[in-house]
PDB file of N, CA and C in Angstrom:
ATOM      1  N   HIS A   1      -7.727 -77.810  26.188  1.00  0.00           N
ATOM      2  CA  HIS A   1      -8.469 -76.990  26.883  1.00  0.00           C
ATOM      3  C   HIS A   1      -7.813 -76.758  28.296  1.00  0.00           C
ATOM      4  N   PHE A   2      -7.068 -77.698  29.007  1.00  0.00           N
ATOM      5  CA  PHE A   2      -6.584 -77.644  30.352  1.00  0.00           C
ATOM      6  C   PHE A   2      -5.450 -76.369  30.158  1.00  0.00           C
ATOM      7  N   THR A   3      -4.792 -76.305  29.132  1.00  0.00           N
ATOM      8  CA  THR A   3      -3.841 -75.017  29.033  1.00  0.00           C
ATOM      9  C   THR A   3      -4.371 -73.879  29.218  1.00  0.00           C
ATOM     10  N   THR A   4      -5.478 -73.664  28.240  1.00  0.00           N
ATOM     11  CA  THR A   4      -6.185 -72.513  28.160  1.00  0.00           C
ATOM     12  C   THR A   4      -6.778 -72.029  29.502  1.00  0.00           C
ATOM     13  N   LYS A   5      -7.243 -72.889  30.112  1.00  0.00           N
ATOM     14  CA  LYS A   5      -7.974 -72.771  31.300  1.00  0.00           C
ATOM     15  C   LYS A   5      -6.855 -72.351  32.354  1.00  0.00           C
ATOM     16  N   LEU A   6      -5.844 -72.915  32.358  1.00  0.00           N
ATOM     17  CA  LEU A   6      -4.632 -72.512  33.150  1.00  0.00           C
ATOM     18  C   LEU A   6      -4.239 -70.947  32.952  1.00  0.00           C
ATOM     19  N   GLU A   7      -4.016 -70.712  31.650  1.00  0.00           N
ATOM     20  CA  GLU A   7      -3.555 -69.575  31.218  1.00  0.00           C
ATOM     21  C   GLU A   7      -4.630 -68.473  31.760  1.00  0.00           C
ATOM     22  N   GLU A   8      -5.903 -68.795  31.549  1.00  0.00           N
ATOM     23  CA  GLU A   8      -6.857 -67.752  31.958  1.00  0.00           C
ATOM     24  C   GLU A   8      -6.891 -67.471  33.494  1.00  0.00           C
ATOM     25  N   ARG A   9      -6.638 -68.623  34.188  1.00  0.00           N
ATOM     26  CA  ARG A   9      -6.643 -68.501  35.759  1.00  0.00           C
ATOM     27  C   ARG A   9      -5.283 -67.640  36.049  1.00  0.00           C
ATOM     28  N   CYS A  10      -4.118 -67.886  35.601  1.00  0.00           N
ATOM     29  CA  CYS A  10      -2.829 -67.285  35.679  1.00  0.00           C
ATOM     30  C   CYS A  10      -3.030 -65.707  35.481  1.00  0.00           C
ATOM     31  N   ALA A  11      -3.703 -65.447  34.273  1.00  0.00           N
ATOM     32  CA  ALA A  11      -3.897 -64.012  33.868  1.00  0.00           C
ATOM     33  C   ALA A  11      -4.658 -63.247  34.935  1.00  0.00           C
ATOM     34  N   SER A  12      -5.892 -64.014  35.190  1.00  0.00           N
ATOM     35  CA  SER A  12      -6.846 -63.585  36.230  1.00  0.00           C
ATOM     36  C   SER A  12      -6.149 -63.092  37.544  1.00  0.00           C
ATOM     37  N   GLU A  13      -5.308 -64.088  38.104  1.00  0.00           N
ATOM     38  CA  GLU A  13      -4.700 -63.854  39.427  1.00  0.00           C
ATOM     39  C   GLU A  13      -3.513 -62.658  39.178  1.00  0.00           C
ATOM     40  N   LEU A  14      -2.955 -62.485  37.965  1.00  0.00           N
ATOM     41  CA  LEU A  14      -2.011 -61.476  37.697  1.00  0.00           C
ATOM     42  C   LEU A  14      -2.922 -60.174  37.809  1.00  0.00           C
ATOM     43  N   ILE A  15      -3.917 -60.030  36.951  1.00  0.00           N
ATOM     44  CA  ILE A  15      -4.739 -58.952  36.916  1.00  0.00           C
ATOM     45  C   ILE A  15      -5.187 -58.243  38.196  1.00  0.00           C
ATOM     46  N   LYS A  16      -5.661 -59.399  39.268  1.00  0.00           N
ATOM     47  CA  LYS A  16      -6.139 -59.064  40.513  1.00  0.00           C
ATOM     48  C   LYS A  16      -4.978 -58.319  41.372  1.00  0.00           C
ATOM     49  N   LYS A  17      -3.785 -58.840  41.103  1.00  0.00           N
ATOM     50  CA  LYS A  17      -2.569 -58.482  41.845  1.00  0.00           C
ATOM     51  C   LYS A  17      -2.311 -56.830  41.266  1.00  0.00           C
ATOM     52  N   LYS A  18      -2.405 -56.925  39.834  1.00  0.00           N
ATOM     53  CA  LYS A  18      -1.839 -55.539  39.421  1.00  0.00           C
ATOM     54  C   LYS A  18      -3.011 -54.422  39.764  1.00  0.00           C
ATOM     55  N   LEU A  19      -4.181 -54.821  40.056  1.00  0.00           N
ATOM     56  CA  LEU A  19      -5.203 -53.669  40.326  1.00  0.00           C
ATOM     57  C   LEU A  19      -4.698 -52.991  41.622  1.00  0.00           C
ATOM     58  N   ASN A  20      -3.930 -53.566  42.625  1.00  0.00           N
ATOM     59  CA  ASN A  20      -3.448 -52.790  43.634  1.00  0.00           C
ATOM     60  C   ASN A  20      -2.499 -51.811  43.226  1.00  0.00           C
ATOM     61  N   ASP A  21      -1.882 -51.746  42.121  1.00  0.00           N
ATOM     62  CA  ASP A  21      -1.154 -50.870  41.406  1.00  0.00           C
ATOM     63  C   ASP A  21      -1.705 -49.630  41.140  1.00  0.00           C
ATOM     64  N   LEU A  22      -3.031 -49.551  41.013  1.00  0.00           N
ATOM     65  CA  LEU A  22      -3.791 -48.347  40.439  1.00  0.00           C
ATOM     66  C   LEU A  22      -3.756 -47.195  41.338  1.00  0.00           C
ATOM     67  N   PRO A  23      -3.381 -45.963  40.942  1.00  0.00           N
ATOM     68  CA  PRO A  23      -3.049 -44.751  41.884  1.00  0.00           C
ATOM     69  C   PRO A  23      -4.197 -44.486  42.777  1.00  0.00           C
ATOM     70  N   LYS A  24      -5.474 -44.837  42.362  1.00  0.00           N
ATOM     71  CA  LYS A  24      -6.843 -44.153  43.167  1.00  0.00           C
ATOM     72  C   LYS A  24      -7.481 -45.298  43.767  1.00  0.00           C
ATOM     73  N   PRO A  25      -7.378 -45.388  45.056  1.00  0.00           N
ATOM     74  CA  PRO A  25      -8.030 -46.526  45.852  1.00  0.00           C
ATOM     75  C   PRO A  25      -9.624 -46.680  45.289  1.00  0.00           C
ATOM     76  N   ARG A  26     -10.189 -45.689  45.005  1.00  0.00           N
ATOM     77  CA  ARG A  26     -11.581 -45.631  44.520  1.00  0.00           C
ATOM     78  C   ARG A  26     -11.786 -46.433  43.177  1.00  0.00           C
ATOM     79  N   TRP A  27     -10.839 -46.305  42.309  1.00  0.00           N
ATOM     80  CA  TRP A  27     -10.712 -47.150  41.007  1.00  0.00           C
ATOM     81  C   TRP A  27     -10.465 -48.690  41.191  1.00  0.00           C
ATOM     82  N   ILE A  28      -9.792 -48.896  42.228  1.00  0.00           N
ATOM     83  CA  ILE A  28      -9.642 -50.455  42.791  1.00  0.00           C
ATOM     84  C   ILE A  28     -10.985 -50.876  43.020  1.00  0.00           C
ATOM     85  N   ASP A  29     -11.595 -50.215  44.016  1.00  0.00           N
ATOM     86  CA  ASP A  29     -12.940 -50.685  44.425  1.00  0.00           C
ATOM     87  C   ASP A  29     -13.845 -50.776  43.339  1.00  0.00           C
ATOM     88  N   ILE A  30     -14.041 -49.927  42.527  1.00  0.00           N
ATOM     89  CA  ILE A  30     -14.999 -49.789  41.249  1.00  0.00           C
ATOM     90  C   ILE A  30     -14.654 -51.010  40.433  1.00  0.00           C
ATOM     91  N   ILE A  31     -13.314 -51.318  39.972  1.00  0.00           N
ATOM     92  CA  ILE A  31     -13.070 -52.370  39.332  1.00  0.00           C
ATOM     93  C   ILE A  31     -13.421 -53.865  39.915  1.00  0.00           C
ATOM     94  N   LYS A  32     -13.114 -53.752  41.069  1.00  0.00           N
ATOM     95  CA  LYS A  32     -13.339 -55.018  41.864  1.00  0.00           C
ATOM     96  C   LYS A  32     -14.793 -55.389  41.821  1.00  0.00           C
ATOM     97  N   MET A  33     -15.688 -54.266  42.262  1.00  0.00           N
ATOM     98  CA  MET A  33     -17.146 -54.438  42.136  1.00  0.00           C
ATOM     99  C   MET A  33     -17.684 -54.833  40.906  1.00  0.00           C
ATOM    100  N   ARG A  34     -17.150 -54.101  39.882  1.00  0.00           N
ATOM    101  CA  ARG A  34     -17.801 -54.192  38.614  1.00  0.00           C
ATOM    102  C   ARG A  34     -17.494 -55.802  37.921  1.00  0.00           C
ATOM    103  N   TYR A  35     -16.284 -56.200  38.229  1.00  0.00           N
ATOM    104  CA  TYR A  35     -15.912 -57.412  37.760  1.00  0.00           C
ATOM    105  C   TYR A  35     -15.927 -58.748  38.577  1.00  0.00           C
ATOM    106  N   GLY A  36     -16.705 -58.484  39.881  1.00  0.00           N
ATOM    107  CA  GLY A  36     -16.697 -59.626  40.578  1.00  0.00           C
ATOM    108  C   GLY A  36     -15.409 -60.199  41.395  1.00  0.00           C
ATOM    109  N   ILE A  37     -14.455 -59.377  41.762  1.00  0.00           N
ATOM    110  CA  ILE A  37     -13.332 -59.425  42.376  1.00  0.00           C
ATOM    111  C   ILE A  37     -13.410 -59.279  43.820  1.00  0.00           C
ATOM    112  N   PHE A  38     -13.954 -60.488  44.599  1.00  0.00           N
ATOM    113  CA  PHE A  38     -14.216 -60.116  45.916  1.00  0.00           C
ATOM    114  C   PHE A  38     -13.291 -60.675  46.696  1.00  0.00           C
ATOM    115  N   ASP A  39     -12.128 -60.170  47.198  1.00  0.00           N
ATOM    116  CA  ASP A  39     -11.128 -60.787  47.969  1.00  0.00           C
ATOM    117  C   ASP A  39     -11.435 -60.460  49.330  1.00  0.00           C
ATOM    118  N   GLU A  40     -10.667 -61.044  50.304  1.00  0.00           N
ATOM    119  CA  GLU A  40     -10.904 -60.957  51.620  1.00  0.00           C
ATOM    120  C   GLU A  40     -10.856 -59.457  52.132  1.00  0.00           C
ATOM    121  N   SER A  41      -9.837 -58.583  51.689  1.00  0.00           N
ATOM    122  CA  SER A  41      -9.616 -57.210  51.969  1.00  0.00           C
ATOM    123  C   SER A  41     -10.813 -56.479  51.521  1.00  0.00           C
ATOM    124  N   PHE A  42     -11.410 -56.788  50.355  1.00  0.00           N
ATOM    125  CA  PHE A  42     -12.629 -56.105  49.858  1.00  0.00           C
ATOM    126  C   PHE A  42     -13.582 -56.254  50.817  1.00  0.00           C
ATOM    127  N   MET A  43     -13.892 -57.712  51.142  1.00  0.00           N
ATOM    128  CA  MET A  43     -15.140 -57.959  51.908  1.00  0.00           C
ATOM    129  C   MET A  43     -15.011 -57.292  53.079  1.00  0.00           C
ATOM    130  N   ASP A  44     -13.787 -57.268  53.838  1.00  0.00           N
ATOM    131  CA  ASP A  44     -13.717 -56.734  55.220  1.00  0.00           C
ATOM    132  C   ASP A  44     -13.871 -55.124  54.940  1.00  0.00           C
ATOM    133  N   LYS A  45     -13.425 -54.441  54.084  1.00  0.00           N
ATOM    134  CA  LYS A  45     -13.467 -53.085  53.699  1.00  0.00           C
ATOM    135  C   LYS A  45     -14.889 -52.684  53.918  1.00  0.00           C
ATOM    136  N   TYR A  46     -15.775 -53.519  53.249  1.00  0.00           N
ATOM    137  CA  TYR A  46     -17.174 -53.122  53.139  1.00  0.00           C
ATOM    138  C   TYR A  46     -18.146 -53.841  54.087  1.00  0.00           C
ATOM    139  N   GLY A  47     -17.519 -54.658  54.962  1.00  0.00           N
ATOM    140  CA  GLY A  47     -18.496 -55.466  55.567  1.00  0.00           C
ATOM    141  C   GLY A  47     -19.295 -56.437  55.020  1.00  0.00           C
ATOM    142  N   PHE A  48     -18.943 -56.964  53.923  1.00  0.00           N
ATOM    143  CA  PHE A  48     -19.639 -57.912  53.154  1.00  0.00           C
ATOM    144  C   PHE A  48     -19.463 -59.366  53.490  1.00  0.00           C
ATOM    145  N   ASP A  49     -20.478 -60.484  53.667  1.00  0.00           N
ATOM    146  CA  ASP A  49     -20.216 -61.660  53.736  1.00  0.00           C
ATOM    147  C   ASP A  49     -20.683 -62.270  52.306  1.00  0.00           C
ATOM    148  N   GLU A  50     -20.503 -63.579  52.207  1.00  0.00           N
ATOM    149  CA  GLU A  50     -21.033 -64.351  50.949  1.00  0.00           C
ATOM    150  C   GLU A  50     -22.453 -64.041  50.527  1.00  0.00           C
ATOM    151  N   ASN A  51     -23.234 -63.979  51.832  1.00  0.00           N
ATOM    152  CA  ASN A  51     -24.815 -63.782  51.261  1.00  0.00           C
ATOM    153  C   ASN A  51     -25.029 -62.335  50.843  1.00  0.00           C
ATOM    154  N   LYS A  52     -24.443 -61.308  51.353  1.00  0.00           N
ATOM    155  CA  LYS A  52     -24.386 -59.916  50.803  1.00  0.00           C
ATOM    156  C   LYS A  52     -23.846 -59.820  49.444  1.00  0.00           C
ATOM    157  N   ILE A  53     -22.617 -60.298  49.282  1.00  0.00           N
ATOM    158  CA  ILE A  53     -22.273 -60.446  47.843  1.00  0.00           C
ATOM    159  C   ILE A  53     -23.163 -61.100  46.710  1.00  0.00           C
ATOM    160  N   ASN A  54     -23.635 -62.337  47.135  1.00  0.00           N
ATOM    161  CA  ASN A  54     -24.629 -62.927  46.290  1.00  0.00           C
ATOM    162  C   ASN A  54     -26.061 -62.034  46.125  1.00  0.00           C
ATOM    163  N   GLU A  55     -26.510 -61.439  47.185  1.00  0.00           N
ATOM    164  CA  GLU A  55     -27.579 -60.441  46.947  1.00  0.00           C
ATOM    165  C   GLU A  55     -27.322 -59.437  45.985  1.00  0.00           C
ATOM    166  N   LEU A  56     -26.234 -58.807  46.110  1.00  0.00           N
ATOM    167  CA  LEU A  56     -25.883 -57.707  45.355  1.00  0.00           C
ATOM    168  C   LEU A  56     -25.499 -57.993  44.024  1.00  0.00           C
ATOM    169  N   ARG A  57     -25.019 -59.254  43.766  1.00  0.00           N
ATOM    170  CA  ARG A  57     -24.795 -59.825  42.354  1.00  0.00           C
ATOM    171  C   ARG A  57     -26.070 -60.161  41.732  1.00  0.00           C
ATOM    172  N   SER A  58     -27.173 -60.331  42.194  1.00  0.00           N
ATOM    173  CA  SER A  58     -28.311 -60.698  41.605  1.00  0.00           C
ATOM    174  C   SER A  58     -28.786 -59.831  40.612  1.00  0.00           C
ATOM    175  N   LYS A  59     -28.245 -58.605  40.561  1.00  0.00           N
ATOM    176  CA  LYS A  59     -28.543 -57.766  39.478  1.00  0.00           C
ATOM    177  C   LYS A  59     -27.857 -57.934  38.161  1.00  0.00           C
ATOM    178  N   ARG A  60     -26.757 -58.584  38.305  1.00  0.00           N
ATOM    179  CA  ARG A  60     -25.784 -58.792  37.387  1.00  0.00           C
ATOM    180  C   ARG A  60     -25.032 -60.275  37.685  1.00  0.00           C
ATOM    181  N   LEU A  61     -24.784 -60.881  36.603  1.00  0.00           N
ATOM    182  CA  LEU A  61     -24.179 -62.207  36.699  1.00  0.00           C
ATOM    183  C   LEU A  61     -23.026 -62.370  37.409  1.00  0.00           C
ATOM    184  N   CYS A  62     -21.884 -61.389  37.322  1.00  0.00           N
ATOM    185  CA  CYS A  62     -20.707 -61.566  37.959  1.00  0.00           C
ATOM    186  C   CYS A  62     -20.425 -60.563  39.118  1.00  0.00           C
ATOM    187  N   GLY A  63     -20.217 -59.256  38.649  1.00  0.00           N
ATOM    188  CA  GLY A  63     -19.999 -58.208  39.403  1.00  0.00           C
ATOM    189  C   GLY A  63     -21.276 -57.420  39.862  1.00  0.00           C
ATOM    190  N   PHE A  64     -21.104 -56.273  40.232  1.00  0.00           N
ATOM    191  CA  PHE A  64     -22.252 -55.242  40.413  1.00  0.00           C
ATOM    192  C   PHE A  64     -22.605 -54.402  39.467  1.00  0.00           C
ATOM    193  N   SER A  65     -23.932 -54.024  39.507  1.00  0.00           N
ATOM    194  CA  SER A  65     -24.202 -52.941  38.327  1.00  0.00           C
ATOM    195  C   SER A  65     -23.746 -51.779  38.660  1.00  0.00           C
ATOM    196  N   LEU A  66     -23.818 -50.735  37.712  1.00  0.00           N
ATOM    197  CA  LEU A  66     -23.152 -49.418  38.110  1.00  0.00           C
ATOM    198  C   LEU A  66     -23.969 -48.708  39.088  1.00  0.00           C
ATOM    199  N   GLU A  67     -25.359 -48.923  39.069  1.00  0.00           N
ATOM    200  CA  GLU A  67     -26.240 -48.419  40.013  1.00  0.00           C
ATOM    201  C   GLU A  67     -26.042 -48.743  41.640  1.00  0.00           C
ATOM    202  N   THR A  68     -25.739 -50.216  41.671  1.00  0.00           N
ATOM    203  CA  THR A  68     -25.319 -50.814  43.000  1.00  0.00           C
ATOM    204  C   THR A  68     -24.155 -50.180  43.540  1.00  0.00           C
ATOM    205  N   ILE A  69     -22.960 -50.062  42.582  1.00  0.00           N
ATOM    206  CA  ILE A  69     -21.856 -49.551  42.995  1.00  0.00           C
ATOM    207  C   ILE A  69     -21.985 -48.270  43.452  1.00  0.00           C
ATOM    208  N   GLY A  70     -22.572 -47.334  42.745  1.00  0.00           N
ATOM    209  CA  GLY A  70     -22.942 -45.894  43.048  1.00  0.00           C
ATOM    210  C   GLY A  70     -23.575 -45.874  44.447  1.00  0.00           C
ATOM    211  N   ASP A  71     -24.636 -46.775  44.747  1.00  0.00           N
ATOM    212  CA  ASP A  71     -25.321 -46.854  46.033  1.00  0.00           C
ATOM    213  C   ASP A  71     -24.230 -47.047  47.197  1.00  0.00           C
ATOM    214  N   ILE A  72     -23.447 -48.034  46.854  1.00  0.00           N
ATOM    215  CA  ILE A  72     -22.465 -48.410  47.845  1.00  0.00           C
ATOM    216  C   ILE A  72     -21.400 -47.180  48.050  1.00  0.00           C
ATOM    217  N   LEU A  73     -20.966 -46.526  47.197  1.00  0.00           N
ATOM    218  CA  LEU A  73     -19.835 -45.445  47.144  1.00  0.00           C
ATOM    219  C   LEU A  73     -20.629 -44.094  47.186  1.00  0.00           C
ATOM    220  N   GLY A  74     -21.865 -43.901  47.112  1.00  0.00           N
ATOM    221  CA  GLY A  74     -22.387 -42.728  47.284  1.00  0.00           C
ATOM    222  C   GLY A  74     -22.259 -41.771  45.969  1.00  0.00           C
ATOM    223  N   PHE A  75     -22.249 -42.305  44.835  1.00  0.00           N
ATOM    224  CA  PHE A  75     -22.166 -41.547  43.602  1.00  0.00           C
ATOM    225  C   PHE A  75     -23.394 -41.991  42.698  1.00  0.00           C
ATOM    226  N   SER A  76     -23.493 -41.211  41.707  1.00  0.00           N
ATOM    227  CA  SER A  76     -24.629 -41.535  40.732  1.00  0.00           C
ATOM    228  C   SER A  76     -23.923 -42.733  39.718  1.00  0.00           C
ATOM    229  N   LYS A  77     -24.773 -43.360  39.266  1.00  0.00           N
ATOM    230  CA  LYS A  77     -24.237 -44.603  38.237  1.00  0.00           C
ATOM    231  C   LYS A  77     -23.533 -43.931  37.286  1.00  0.00           C
ATOM    232  N   GLU A  78     -23.864 -42.644  36.765  1.00  0.00           N
ATOM    233  CA  GLU A  78     -23.090 -42.040  35.674  1.00  0.00           C
ATOM    234  C   GLU A  78     -21.764 -41.708  36.113  1.00  0.00           C
ATOM    235  N   ARG A  79     -21.560 -41.410  37.310  1.00  0.00           N
ATOM    236  CA  ARG A  79     -20.119 -40.949  37.770  1.00  0.00           C
ATOM    237  C   ARG A  79     -19.339 -42.333  37.790  1.00  0.00           C
ATOM    238  N   ILE A  80     -20.008 -43.392  38.273  1.00  0.00           N
ATOM    239  CA  ILE A  80     -19.335 -44.586  38.493  1.00  0.00           C
ATOM    240  C   ILE A  80     -18.935 -45.077  37.224  1.00  0.00           C
ATOM    241  N   ARG A  81     -19.776 -44.972  36.101  1.00  0.00           N
ATOM    242  CA  ARG A  81     -19.386 -45.365  34.834  1.00  0.00           C
ATOM    243  C   ARG A  81     -18.266 -44.558  34.234  1.00  0.00           C
ATOM    244  N   GLN A  82     -17.974 -43.200  34.522  1.00  0.00           N
ATOM    245  CA  GLN A  82     -16.962 -42.361  34.237  1.00  0.00           C
ATOM    246  C   GLN A  82     -15.673 -42.651  34.953  1.00  0.00           C
ATOM    247  N   LEU A  83     -15.765 -43.152  36.238  1.00  0.00           N
ATOM    248  CA  LEU A  83     -14.509 -43.496  36.919  1.00  0.00           C
ATOM    249  C   LEU A  83     -14.137 -44.847  36.368  1.00  0.00           C
ATOM    250  N   GLU A  84     -14.996 -45.748  35.988  1.00  0.00           N
ATOM    251  CA  GLU A  84     -14.770 -47.097  35.594  1.00  0.00           C
ATOM    252  C   GLU A  84     -14.035 -46.847  34.254  1.00  0.00           C
ATOM    253  N   LYS A  85     -14.396 -45.945  33.418  1.00  0.00           N
ATOM    254  CA  LYS A  85     -13.800 -45.828  32.035  1.00  0.00           C
ATOM    255  C   LYS A  85     -12.388 -45.182  32.321  1.00  0.00           C
ATOM    256  N   GLU A  86     -12.075 -44.185  33.142  1.00  0.00           N
ATOM    257  CA  GLU A  86     -10.974 -43.528  33.528  1.00  0.00           C
ATOM    258  C   GLU A  86      -9.980 -44.825  34.053  1.00  0.00           C
ATOM    259  N   SER A  87     -10.470 -45.641  34.877  1.00  0.00           N
ATOM    260  CA  SER A  87      -9.451 -46.591  35.487  1.00  0.00           C
ATOM    261  C   SER A  87      -9.212 -47.650  34.380  1.00  0.00           C
ATOM    262  N   LEU A  88     -10.049 -47.967  33.513  1.00  0.00           N
ATOM    263  CA  LEU A  88      -9.796 -49.051  32.479  1.00  0.00           C
ATOM    264  C   LEU A  88      -8.742 -48.413  31.466  1.00  0.00           C
ATOM    265  N   LYS A  89      -8.833 -47.033  31.080  1.00  0.00           N
ATOM    266  CA  LYS A  89      -7.860 -46.462  30.229  1.00  0.00           C
ATOM    267  C   LYS A  89      -6.574 -46.285  30.947  1.00  0.00           C
ATOM    268  N   TYR A  90      -6.589 -46.062  32.275  1.00  0.00           N
ATOM    269  CA  TYR A  90      -5.242 -46.136  32.768  1.00  0.00           C
ATOM    270  C   TYR A  90      -4.548 -47.355  32.680  1.00  0.00           C
ATOM    271  N   MET A  91      -5.322 -48.507  33.020  1.00  0.00           N
ATOM    272  CA  MET A  91      -4.930 -49.755  33.055  1.00  0.00           C
ATOM    273  C   MET A  91      -4.394 -50.125  31.897  1.00  0.00           C
ATOM    274  N   LYS A  92      -5.033 -49.911  30.773  1.00  0.00           N
ATOM    275  CA  LYS A  92      -4.675 -50.341  29.270  1.00  0.00           C
ATOM    276  C   LYS A  92      -3.496 -49.611  28.912  1.00  0.00           C
ATOM    277  N   GLU A  93      -3.390 -48.200  29.190  1.00  0.00           N
ATOM    278  CA  GLU A  93      -1.844 -47.276  29.012  1.00  0.00           C
ATOM    279  C   GLU A  93      -0.954 -47.749  29.817  1.00  0.00           C
ATOM    280  N   THR A  94      -1.025 -48.065  31.150  1.00  0.00           N
ATOM    281  CA  THR A  94      -0.001 -48.258  32.174  1.00  0.00           C
ATOM    282  C   THR A  94       0.535 -49.731  31.943  1.00  0.00           C
ATOM    283  N   PHE A  95      -0.276 -50.555  31.746  1.00  0.00           N
ATOM    284  CA  PHE A  95      -0.083 -52.160  31.723  1.00  0.00           C
ATOM    285  C   PHE A  95       0.311 -52.565  30.315  1.00  0.00           C
ATOM    286  N   ALA A  96       0.086 -51.795  29.367  1.00  0.00           N
ATOM    287  CA  ALA A  96       0.377 -52.179  27.907  1.00  0.00           C
ATOM    288  C   ALA A  96       1.736 -52.703  27.724  1.00  0.00           C
ATOM    289  N   ASN A  97       2.777 -52.163  28.349  1.00  0.00           N
ATOM    290  CA  ASN A  97       4.167 -52.602  28.142  1.00  0.00           C
ATOM    291  C   ASN A  97       4.619 -53.322  29.294  1.00  0.00           C
ATOM    292  N   ASP A  98       3.690 -53.842  30.229  1.00  0.00           N
ATOM    293  CA  ASP A  98       4.219 -54.658  31.370  1.00  0.00           C
ATOM    294  C   ASP A  98       4.593 -56.055  30.967  1.00  0.00           C
ATOM    295  N   PRO A  99       5.825 -56.450  31.067  1.00  0.00           N
ATOM    296  CA  PRO A  99       6.262 -57.657  30.744  1.00  0.00           C
ATOM    297  C   PRO A  99       5.390 -58.900  31.216  1.00  0.00           C
ATOM    298  N   GLU A 100       4.868 -58.668  32.525  1.00  0.00           N
ATOM    299  CA  GLU A 100       4.322 -59.812  33.207  1.00  0.00           C
ATOM    300  C   GLU A 100       2.931 -60.013  32.379  1.00  0.00           C
ATOM    301  N   ILE A 101       2.190 -59.106  32.150  1.00  0.00           N
ATOM    302  CA  ILE A 101       0.937 -59.299  31.438  1.00  0.00           C
ATOM    303  C   ILE A 101       1.015 -59.440  29.914  1.00  0.00           C
ATOM    304  N   SER A 102       1.805 -58.934  29.151  1.00  0.00           N
ATOM    305  CA  SER A 102       2.176 -59.229  27.791  1.00  0.00           C
ATOM    306  C   SER A 102       2.200 -60.687  27.535  1.00  0.00           C
ATOM    307  N   GLU A 103       2.712 -61.625  28.307  1.00  0.00           N
ATOM    308  CA  GLU A 103       2.632 -62.891  28.001  1.00  0.00           C
ATOM    309  C   GLU A 103       1.410 -63.604  27.751  1.00  0.00           C
ATOM    310  N   PHE A 104       0.385 -62.732  28.442  1.00  0.00           N
ATOM    311  CA  PHE A 104      -0.946 -63.497  28.148  1.00  0.00           C
ATOM    312  C   PHE A 104      -1.662 -62.724  26.982  1.00  0.00           C
ATOM    313  N   ARG A 105      -1.106 -62.008  26.161  1.00  0.00           N
ATOM    314  CA  ARG A 105      -1.847 -61.337  25.053  1.00  0.00           C
ATOM    315  C   ARG A 105      -1.506 -62.228  23.934  1.00  0.00           C
ATOM    316  N   TYR A 106      -2.697 -62.440  23.101  1.00  0.00           N
ATOM    317  CA  TYR A 106      -2.551 -63.332  21.829  1.00  0.00           C
ATOM    318  C   TYR A 106      -2.453 -62.577  20.662  1.00  0.00           C
TER     319      TYR A 106
END
């Protein structure tokens, strides 16, 4: 189990790093909010502290709901869903042949 947990943590850290390679800053913010990746730069950008993050997370176990993200960014939840879909498609296509990420595929 230790090896699996270690691999998951390494993969998670790599994905966080790769997020910064996305071409649209809005995509980065949406993915971070949706999947609960709240690093220091994100928290500073939006003026969030731990209490605010926990309050916003209350609607969802890890990250924020589409509606919450829409409220923060000034878009409808449907537009956030579309942007999330675009960013995930881009990540899948772009990172598919990335040697750093391929080592974590089973």
